[in-house]
Amino acid sequence: MNRFWFRRRLGLFSKDLGWGWTPISFQGWLLTLAFVGFIGWAYFYKGKSWDFLLYSLLALFLFGMIADSKSGY
Protein backbone atom coordinates (compact mmCIF):
# COMPACT_ATOMS: atom_id res chain seq x y z
CA MET A 1 0.00 0.00 0.00
CA ASN A 2 1.21 3.48 -0.84
CA ARG A 3 2.05 5.56 2.22
CA PHE A 4 2.19 8.83 0.29
CA TRP A 5 -0.89 10.99 -0.21
CA PHE A 6 0.49 13.33 -2.89
CA ARG A 7 2.93 13.26 -5.79
CA ARG A 8 5.19 16.26 -5.95
CA ARG A 9 5.16 18.19 -9.21
CA LEU A 10 8.59 18.97 -10.56
CA GLY A 11 8.46 22.34 -12.31
CA LEU A 12 7.84 24.17 -15.53
CA PHE A 13 10.55 22.45 -17.54
CA SER A 14 9.68 18.89 -16.60
CA LYS A 15 6.97 16.74 -18.10
CA ASP A 16 4.57 17.73 -15.29
CA LEU A 17 4.42 21.44 -16.17
CA GLY A 18 3.80 23.12 -12.83
CA TRP A 19 4.51 23.37 -9.15
CA GLY A 20 2.47 21.85 -6.35
CA TRP A 21 1.11 18.46 -5.46
CA THR A 22 -1.24 15.98 -7.08
CA PRO A 23 -3.37 13.65 -4.92
CA ILE A 24 -2.53 9.98 -5.47
CA SER A 25 -4.51 8.32 -2.65
CA PHE A 26 -7.98 8.66 -1.20
CA GLN A 27 -6.52 10.51 1.81
CA GLY A 28 -5.02 13.10 -0.53
CA TRP A 29 -8.31 13.52 -2.34
CA LEU A 30 -10.18 13.87 0.96
CA LEU A 31 -7.76 16.53 2.14
CA THR A 32 -8.09 18.37 -1.18
CA LEU A 33 -11.89 18.26 -1.00
CA ALA A 34 -11.79 19.45 2.61
CA PHE A 35 -9.56 22.36 1.56
CA VAL A 36 -11.88 23.36 -1.27
CA GLY A 37 -14.92 22.97 1.01
CA PHE A 38 -13.32 25.14 3.68
CA ILE A 39 -12.50 27.87 1.16
CA GLY A 40 -16.10 27.73 -0.09
CA TRP A 41 -17.44 27.92 3.45
CA ALA A 42 -15.19 30.86 4.31
CA TYR A 43 -16.26 32.72 1.17
CA PHE A 44 -19.94 32.02 1.79
CA TYR A 45 -19.90 33.09 5.45
CA LYS A 46 -17.15 35.72 5.46
CA GLY A 47 -17.66 37.13 1.99
CA LYS A 48 -15.22 39.61 0.56
CA SER A 49 -13.56 40.71 3.75
CA TRP A 50 -10.18 40.54 5.44
CA ASP A 51 -11.40 37.55 7.45
CA PHE A 52 -11.84 35.57 4.24
CA LEU A 53 -8.31 36.46 3.15
CA LEU A 54 -6.93 35.44 6.55
CA TYR A 55 -8.80 32.12 6.56
CA SER A 56 -7.79 31.40 2.97
CA LEU A 57 -4.11 32.06 3.60
CA LEU A 58 -4.14 29.97 6.77
CA ALA A 59 -5.88 27.09 4.98
CA LEU A 60 -3.45 27.32 2.05
CA PHE A 61 -0.47 27.29 4.41
CA LEU A 62 -1.78 24.25 6.33
CA PHE A 63 -2.69 22.40 3.13
CA GLY A 64 0.79 23.07 1.73
CA MET A 65 2.51 21.89 4.90
CA ILE A 66 0.47 18.68 5.05
CA ALA A 67 0.83 17.99 1.31
CA ASP A 68 4.57 18.55 1.44
CA SER A 69 4.99 16.25 4.43
CA LYS A 70 2.84 13.53 2.83
CA SER A 71 4.60 13.55 -0.54
CA GLY A 72 7.70 11.54 -1.07
CA TYR A 73 8.53 11.90 -4.71
PDB file of N, CA and C in Angstrom:
ATOM      1  N   MET A   1       0.839  -1.182   0.000  1.00  0.00           N
ATOM      2  CA  MET A   1       0.000   0.000   0.000  1.00  0.00           C
ATOM      3  C   MET A   1       0.883   1.244   0.000  1.00  0.00           C
ATOM      4  N   ASN A   2       0.450   2.254  -0.727  1.00  0.00           N
ATOM      5  CA  ASN A   2       1.206   3.484  -0.842  1.00  0.00           C
ATOM      6  C   ASN A   2       1.038   4.318   0.429  1.00  0.00           C
ATOM      7  N   ARG A   3       2.135   4.758   1.008  1.00  0.00           N
ATOM      8  CA  ARG A   3       2.050   5.559   2.224  1.00  0.00           C
ATOM      9  C   ARG A   3       2.047   7.046   1.926  1.00  0.00           C
ATOM     10  N   PHE A   4       2.203   7.431   0.669  1.00  0.00           N
ATOM     11  CA  PHE A   4       2.190   8.833   0.287  1.00  0.00           C
ATOM     12  C   PHE A   4       0.795   9.246  -0.150  1.00  0.00           C
ATOM     13  N   TRP A   5       0.420  10.471   0.159  1.00  0.00           N
ATOM     14  CA  TRP A   5      -0.888  10.995  -0.213  1.00  0.00           C
ATOM     15  C   TRP A   5      -0.820  11.822  -1.487  1.00  0.00           C
ATOM     16  N   PHE A   6       0.337  12.423  -1.752  1.00  0.00           N
ATOM     17  CA  PHE A   6       0.490  13.329  -2.886  1.00  0.00           C
ATOM     18  C   PHE A   6       1.758  13.002  -3.658  1.00  0.00           C
ATOM     19  N   ARG A   7       1.736  13.346  -4.945  1.00  0.00           N
ATOM     20  CA  ARG A   7       2.925  13.263  -5.786  1.00  0.00           C
ATOM     21  C   ARG A   7       3.382  14.687  -6.025  1.00  0.00           C
ATOM     22  N   ARG A   8       4.638  14.927  -5.790  1.00  0.00           N
ATOM     23  CA  ARG A   8       5.190  16.259  -5.955  1.00  0.00           C
ATOM     24  C   ARG A   8       5.359  16.574  -7.437  1.00  0.00           C
ATOM     25  N   ARG A   9       4.949  17.755  -7.828  1.00  0.00           N
ATOM     26  CA  ARG A   9       5.156  18.193  -9.206  1.00  0.00           C
ATOM     27  C   ARG A   9       6.538  18.804  -9.303  1.00  0.00           C
ATOM     28  N   LEU A  10       7.167  18.667 -10.451  1.00  0.00           N
ATOM     29  CA  LEU A  10       8.588  18.966 -10.556  1.00  0.00           C
ATOM     30  C   LEU A  10       8.927  20.365 -11.037  1.00  0.00           C
ATOM     31  N   GLY A  11       8.140  20.993 -11.844  1.00  0.00           N
ATOM     32  CA  GLY A  11       8.461  22.336 -12.309  1.00  0.00           C
ATOM     33  C   GLY A  11       8.050  22.579 -13.737  1.00  0.00           C
ATOM     34  N   LEU A  12       8.279  23.779 -14.197  1.00  0.00           N
ATOM     35  CA  LEU A  12       7.838  24.165 -15.531  1.00  0.00           C
ATOM     36  C   LEU A  12       8.539  23.422 -16.648  1.00  0.00           C
ATOM     37  N   PHE A  13       9.784  23.048 -16.447  1.00  0.00           N
ATOM     38  CA  PHE A  13      10.554  22.447 -17.541  1.00  0.00           C
ATOM     39  C   PHE A  13      10.611  20.924 -17.465  1.00  0.00           C
ATOM     40  N   SER A  14       9.781  20.338 -16.639  1.00  0.00           N
ATOM     41  CA  SER A  14       9.678  18.887 -16.599  1.00  0.00           C
ATOM     42  C   SER A  14       8.423  18.481 -17.360  1.00  0.00           C
ATOM     43  N   LYS A  15       8.163  17.197 -17.384  1.00  0.00           N
ATOM     44  CA  LYS A  15       6.973  16.740 -18.104  1.00  0.00           C
ATOM     45  C   LYS A  15       5.683  17.068 -17.362  1.00  0.00           C
ATOM     46  N   ASP A  16       5.770  17.443 -16.070  1.00  0.00           N
ATOM     47  CA  ASP A  16       4.568  17.725 -15.294  1.00  0.00           C
ATOM     48  C   ASP A  16       4.008  19.133 -15.498  1.00  0.00           C
ATOM     49  N   LEU A  17       4.844  20.067 -15.890  1.00  0.00           N
ATOM     50  CA  LEU A  17       4.420  21.439 -16.170  1.00  0.00           C
ATOM     51  C   LEU A  17       3.708  22.099 -14.991  1.00  0.00           C
ATOM     52  N   GLY A  18       4.393  22.362 -13.916  1.00  0.00           N
ATOM     53  CA  GLY A  18       3.795  23.117 -12.828  1.00  0.00           C
ATOM     54  C   GLY A  18       4.433  22.819 -11.493  1.00  0.00           C
ATOM     55  N   TRP A  19       4.058  23.586 -10.517  1.00  0.00           N
ATOM     56  CA  TRP A  19       4.512  23.366  -9.149  1.00  0.00           C
ATOM     57  C   TRP A  19       3.316  22.958  -8.313  1.00  0.00           C
ATOM     58  N   GLY A  20       3.551  22.240  -7.240  1.00  0.00           N
ATOM     59  CA  GLY A  20       2.471  21.853  -6.347  1.00  0.00           C
ATOM     60  C   GLY A  20       2.448  20.361  -6.122  1.00  0.00           C
ATOM     61  N   TRP A  21       1.278  19.868  -5.785  1.00  0.00           N
ATOM     62  CA  TRP A  21       1.105  18.463  -5.455  1.00  0.00           C
ATOM     63  C   TRP A  21      -0.144  17.932  -6.140  1.00  0.00           C
ATOM     64  N   THR A  22      -0.106  16.661  -6.479  1.00  0.00           N
ATOM     65  CA  THR A  22      -1.241  15.978  -7.084  1.00  0.00           C
ATOM     66  C   THR A  22      -1.653  14.835  -6.169  1.00  0.00           C
ATOM     67  N   PRO A  23      -2.932  14.753  -5.786  1.00  0.00           N
ATOM     68  CA  PRO A  23      -3.365  13.654  -4.921  1.00  0.00           C
ATOM     69  C   PRO A  23      -3.221  12.304  -5.622  1.00  0.00           C
ATOM     70  N   ILE A  24      -2.672  11.320  -4.893  1.00  0.00           N
ATOM     71  CA  ILE A  24      -2.534   9.975  -5.470  1.00  0.00           C
ATOM     72  C   ILE A  24      -3.197   8.908  -4.613  1.00  0.00           C
ATOM     73  N   SER A  25      -3.806   9.289  -3.484  1.00  0.00           N
ATOM     74  CA  SER A  25      -4.511   8.324  -2.648  1.00  0.00           C
ATOM     75  C   SER A  25      -5.831   8.945  -2.203  1.00  0.00           C
ATOM     76  N   PHE A  26      -6.690   8.129  -1.622  1.00  0.00           N
ATOM     77  CA  PHE A  26      -7.981   8.661  -1.200  1.00  0.00           C
ATOM     78  C   PHE A  26      -7.814   9.673  -0.070  1.00  0.00           C
ATOM     79  N   GLN A  27      -6.767   9.529   0.751  1.00  0.00           N
ATOM     80  CA  GLN A  27      -6.524  10.511   1.806  1.00  0.00           C
ATOM     81  C   GLN A  27      -6.169  11.870   1.209  1.00  0.00           C
ATOM     82  N   GLY A  28      -5.363  11.856   0.156  1.00  0.00           N
ATOM     83  CA  GLY A  28      -5.016  13.096  -0.527  1.00  0.00           C
ATOM     84  C   GLY A  28      -6.227  13.760  -1.147  1.00  0.00           C
ATOM     85  N   TRP A  29      -7.089  12.953  -1.758  1.00  0.00           N
ATOM     86  CA  TRP A  29      -8.306  13.519  -2.342  1.00  0.00           C
ATOM     87  C   TRP A  29      -9.228  14.055  -1.268  1.00  0.00           C
ATOM     88  N   LEU A  30      -9.337  13.366  -0.133  1.00  0.00           N
ATOM     89  CA  LEU A  30     -10.183  13.869   0.956  1.00  0.00           C
ATOM     90  C   LEU A  30      -9.652  15.183   1.504  1.00  0.00           C
ATOM     91  N   LEU A  31      -8.346  15.279   1.664  1.00  0.00           N
ATOM     92  CA  LEU A  31      -7.759  16.530   2.138  1.00  0.00           C
ATOM     93  C   LEU A  31      -7.979  17.657   1.126  1.00  0.00           C
ATOM     94  N   THR A  32      -7.855  17.364  -0.152  1.00  0.00           N
ATOM     95  CA  THR A  32      -8.088  18.369  -1.184  1.00  0.00           C
ATOM     96  C   THR A  32      -9.542  18.831  -1.178  1.00  0.00           C
ATOM     97  N   LEU A  33     -10.476  17.894  -1.063  1.00  0.00           N
ATOM     98  CA  LEU A  33     -11.890  18.257  -1.000  1.00  0.00           C
ATOM     99  C   LEU A  33     -12.205  19.047   0.258  1.00  0.00           C
ATOM    100  N   ALA A  34     -11.592  18.691   1.379  1.00  0.00           N
ATOM    101  CA  ALA A  34     -11.793  19.453   2.614  1.00  0.00           C
ATOM    102  C   ALA A  34     -11.265  20.873   2.466  1.00  0.00           C
ATOM    103  N   PHE A  35     -10.124  21.031   1.803  1.00  0.00           N
ATOM    104  CA  PHE A  35      -9.559  22.359   1.564  1.00  0.00           C
ATOM    105  C   PHE A  35     -10.501  23.199   0.702  1.00  0.00           C
ATOM    106  N   VAL A  36     -10.971  22.634  -0.386  1.00  0.00           N
ATOM    107  CA  VAL A  36     -11.882  23.364  -1.273  1.00  0.00           C
ATOM    108  C   VAL A  36     -13.188  23.682  -0.545  1.00  0.00           C
ATOM    109  N   GLY A  37     -13.696  22.731   0.239  1.00  0.00           N
ATOM    110  CA  GLY A  37     -14.915  22.974   1.015  1.00  0.00           C
ATOM    111  C   GLY A  37     -14.735  24.070   2.049  1.00  0.00           C
ATOM    112  N   PHE A  38     -13.582  24.102   2.693  1.00  0.00           N
ATOM    113  CA  PHE A  38     -13.319  25.138   3.683  1.00  0.00           C
ATOM    114  C   PHE A  38     -13.235  26.519   3.030  1.00  0.00           C
ATOM    115  N   ILE A  39     -12.585  26.591   1.870  1.00  0.00           N
ATOM    116  CA  ILE A  39     -12.501  27.868   1.158  1.00  0.00           C
ATOM    117  C   ILE A  39     -13.905  28.321   0.738  1.00  0.00           C
ATOM    118  N   GLY A  40     -14.722  27.389   0.265  1.00  0.00           N
ATOM    119  CA  GLY A  40     -16.099  27.728  -0.090  1.00  0.00           C
ATOM    120  C   GLY A  40     -16.905  28.191   1.102  1.00  0.00           C
ATOM    121  N   TRP A  41     -16.746  27.517   2.232  1.00  0.00           N
ATOM    122  CA  TRP A  41     -17.438  27.922   3.455  1.00  0.00           C
ATOM    123  C   TRP A  41     -16.998  29.310   3.899  1.00  0.00           C
ATOM    124  N   ALA A  42     -15.698  29.553   3.886  1.00  0.00           N
ATOM    125  CA  ALA A  42     -15.186  30.855   4.308  1.00  0.00           C
ATOM    126  C   ALA A  42     -15.700  31.960   3.389  1.00  0.00           C
ATOM    127  N   TYR A  43     -15.760  31.709   2.100  1.00  0.00           N
ATOM    128  CA  TYR A  43     -16.264  32.721   1.170  1.00  0.00           C
ATOM    129  C   TYR A  43     -17.750  32.967   1.387  1.00  0.00           C
ATOM    130  N   PHE A  44     -18.503  31.891   1.625  1.00  0.00           N
ATOM    131  CA  PHE A  44     -19.945  32.025   1.794  1.00  0.00           C
ATOM    132  C   PHE A  44     -20.282  32.785   3.076  1.00  0.00           C
ATOM    133  N   TYR A  45     -19.572  32.473   4.170  1.00  0.00           N
ATOM    134  CA  TYR A  45     -19.896  33.090   5.449  1.00  0.00           C
ATOM    135  C   TYR A  45     -19.128  34.367   5.739  1.00  0.00           C
ATOM    136  N   LYS A  46     -17.951  34.520   5.192  1.00  0.00           N
ATOM    137  CA  LYS A  46     -17.154  35.722   5.459  1.00  0.00           C
ATOM    138  C   LYS A  46     -17.199  36.713   4.314  1.00  0.00           C
ATOM    139  N   GLY A  47     -17.547  36.247   3.132  1.00  0.00           N
ATOM    140  CA  GLY A  47     -17.656  37.135   1.988  1.00  0.00           C
ATOM    141  C   GLY A  47     -16.331  37.765   1.606  1.00  0.00           C
ATOM    142  N   LYS A  48     -16.419  38.909   1.008  1.00  0.00           N
ATOM    143  CA  LYS A  48     -15.217  39.612   0.555  1.00  0.00           C
ATOM    144  C   LYS A  48     -14.733  40.528   1.673  1.00  0.00           C
ATOM    145  N   SER A  49     -14.074  39.939   2.623  1.00  0.00           N
ATOM    146  CA  SER A  49     -13.555  40.706   3.754  1.00  0.00           C
ATOM    147  C   SER A  49     -12.139  40.237   4.068  1.00  0.00           C
ATOM    148  N   TRP A  50     -11.528  40.917   5.012  1.00  0.00           N
ATOM    149  CA  TRP A  50     -10.181  40.538   5.440  1.00  0.00           C
ATOM    150  C   TRP A  50     -10.196  39.192   6.150  1.00  0.00           C
ATOM    151  N   ASP A  51     -11.300  38.850   6.787  1.00  0.00           N
ATOM    152  CA  ASP A  51     -11.404  37.545   7.447  1.00  0.00           C
ATOM    153  C   ASP A  51     -11.282  36.415   6.431  1.00  0.00           C
ATOM    154  N   PHE A  52     -11.931  36.584   5.279  1.00  0.00           N
ATOM    155  CA  PHE A  52     -11.837  35.565   4.238  1.00  0.00           C
ATOM    156  C   PHE A  52     -10.405  35.411   3.765  1.00  0.00           C
ATOM    157  N   LEU A  53      -9.706  36.516   3.574  1.00  0.00           N
ATOM    158  CA  LEU A  53      -8.312  36.461   3.153  1.00  0.00           C
ATOM    159  C   LEU A  53      -7.459  35.757   4.204  1.00  0.00           C
ATOM    160  N   LEU A  54      -7.678  36.081   5.463  1.00  0.00           N
ATOM    161  CA  LEU A  54      -6.927  35.444   6.547  1.00  0.00           C
ATOM    162  C   LEU A  54      -7.191  33.941   6.598  1.00  0.00           C
ATOM    163  N   TYR A  55      -8.460  33.540   6.545  1.00  0.00           N
ATOM    164  CA  TYR A  55      -8.801  32.116   6.564  1.00  0.00           C
ATOM    165  C   TYR A  55      -8.236  31.384   5.348  1.00  0.00           C
ATOM    166  N   SER A  56      -8.299  32.025   4.187  1.00  0.00           N
ATOM    167  CA  SER A  56      -7.787  31.398   2.968  1.00  0.00           C
ATOM    168  C   SER A  56      -6.285  31.186   3.031  1.00  0.00           C
ATOM    169  N   LEU A  57      -5.560  32.195   3.493  1.00  0.00           N
ATOM    170  CA  LEU A  57      -4.106  32.061   3.596  1.00  0.00           C
ATOM    171  C   LEU A  57      -3.712  31.020   4.632  1.00  0.00           C
ATOM    172  N   LEU A  58      -4.417  30.983   5.750  1.00  0.00           N
ATOM    173  CA  LEU A  58      -4.144  29.970   6.770  1.00  0.00           C
ATOM    174  C   LEU A  58      -4.414  28.567   6.237  1.00  0.00           C
ATOM    175  N   ALA A  59      -5.544  28.395   5.547  1.00  0.00           N
ATOM    176  CA  ALA A  59      -5.877  27.085   4.977  1.00  0.00           C
ATOM    177  C   ALA A  59      -4.862  26.680   3.911  1.00  0.00           C
ATOM    178  N   LEU A  60      -4.443  27.619   3.078  1.00  0.00           N
ATOM    179  CA  LEU A  60      -3.452  27.322   2.050  1.00  0.00           C
ATOM    180  C   LEU A  60      -2.119  26.920   2.673  1.00  0.00           C
ATOM    181  N   PHE A  61      -1.714  27.621   3.714  1.00  0.00           N
ATOM    182  CA  PHE A  61      -0.469  27.286   4.406  1.00  0.00           C
ATOM    183  C   PHE A  61      -0.546  25.884   5.017  1.00  0.00           C
ATOM    184  N   LEU A  62      -1.634  25.581   5.712  1.00  0.00           N
ATOM    185  CA  LEU A  62      -1.781  24.251   6.326  1.00  0.00           C
ATOM    186  C   LEU A  62      -1.855  23.151   5.279  1.00  0.00           C
ATOM    187  N   PHE A  63      -2.599  23.383   4.203  1.00  0.00           N
ATOM    188  CA  PHE A  63      -2.685  22.403   3.129  1.00  0.00           C
ATOM    189  C   PHE A  63      -1.312  22.148   2.528  1.00  0.00           C
ATOM    190  N   GLY A  64      -0.567  23.217   2.284  1.00  0.00           N
ATOM    191  CA  GLY A  64       0.787  23.072   1.731  1.00  0.00           C
ATOM    192  C   GLY A  64       1.726  22.317   2.652  1.00  0.00           C
ATOM    193  N   MET A  65       1.648  22.595   3.944  1.00  0.00           N
ATOM    194  CA  MET A  65       2.514  21.891   4.901  1.00  0.00           C
ATOM    195  C   MET A  65       2.169  20.399   4.960  1.00  0.00           C
ATOM    196  N   ILE A  66       0.882  20.077   4.994  1.00  0.00           N
ATOM    197  CA  ILE A  66       0.466  18.680   5.046  1.00  0.00           C
ATOM    198  C   ILE A  66       0.830  17.968   3.741  1.00  0.00           C
ATOM    199  N   ALA A  67       0.530  18.611   2.605  1.00  0.00           N
ATOM    200  CA  ALA A  67       0.830  17.992   1.309  1.00  0.00           C
ATOM    201  C   ALA A  67       2.320  17.768   1.131  1.00  0.00           C
ATOM    202  N   ASP A  68       3.132  18.711   1.577  1.00  0.00           N
ATOM    203  CA  ASP A  68       4.570  18.548   1.445  1.00  0.00           C
ATOM    204  C   ASP A  68       5.084  17.424   2.335  1.00  0.00           C
ATOM    205  N   SER A  69       4.515  17.318   3.531  1.00  0.00           N
ATOM    206  CA  SER A  69       4.987  16.252   4.434  1.00  0.00           C
ATOM    207  C   SER A  69       4.495  14.862   4.004  1.00  0.00           C
ATOM    208  N   LYS A  70       3.406  14.803   3.260  1.00  0.00           N
ATOM    209  CA  LYS A  70       2.843  13.529   2.829  1.00  0.00           C
ATOM    210  C   LYS A  70       3.199  13.172   1.401  1.00  0.00           C
ATOM    211  N   SER A  71       4.149  13.905   0.800  1.00  0.00           N
ATOM    212  CA  SER A  71       4.604  13.554  -0.541  1.00  0.00           C
ATOM    213  C   SER A  71       6.058  13.074  -0.428  1.00  0.00           C
ATOM    214  N   GLY A  72       6.371  12.088  -1.182  1.00  0.00           N
ATOM    215  CA  GLY A  72       7.696  11.537  -1.069  1.00  0.00           C
ATOM    216  C   GLY A  72       8.460  11.457  -2.378  1.00  0.00           C
ATOM    217  N   TYR A  73       7.890  12.015  -3.409  1.00  0.00           N
ATOM    218  CA  TYR A  73       8.533  11.897  -4.714  1.00  0.00           C
ATOM    219  C   TYR A  73       9.309  13.135  -5.027  1.00  0.00           C
TER     220      TYR A  73
END
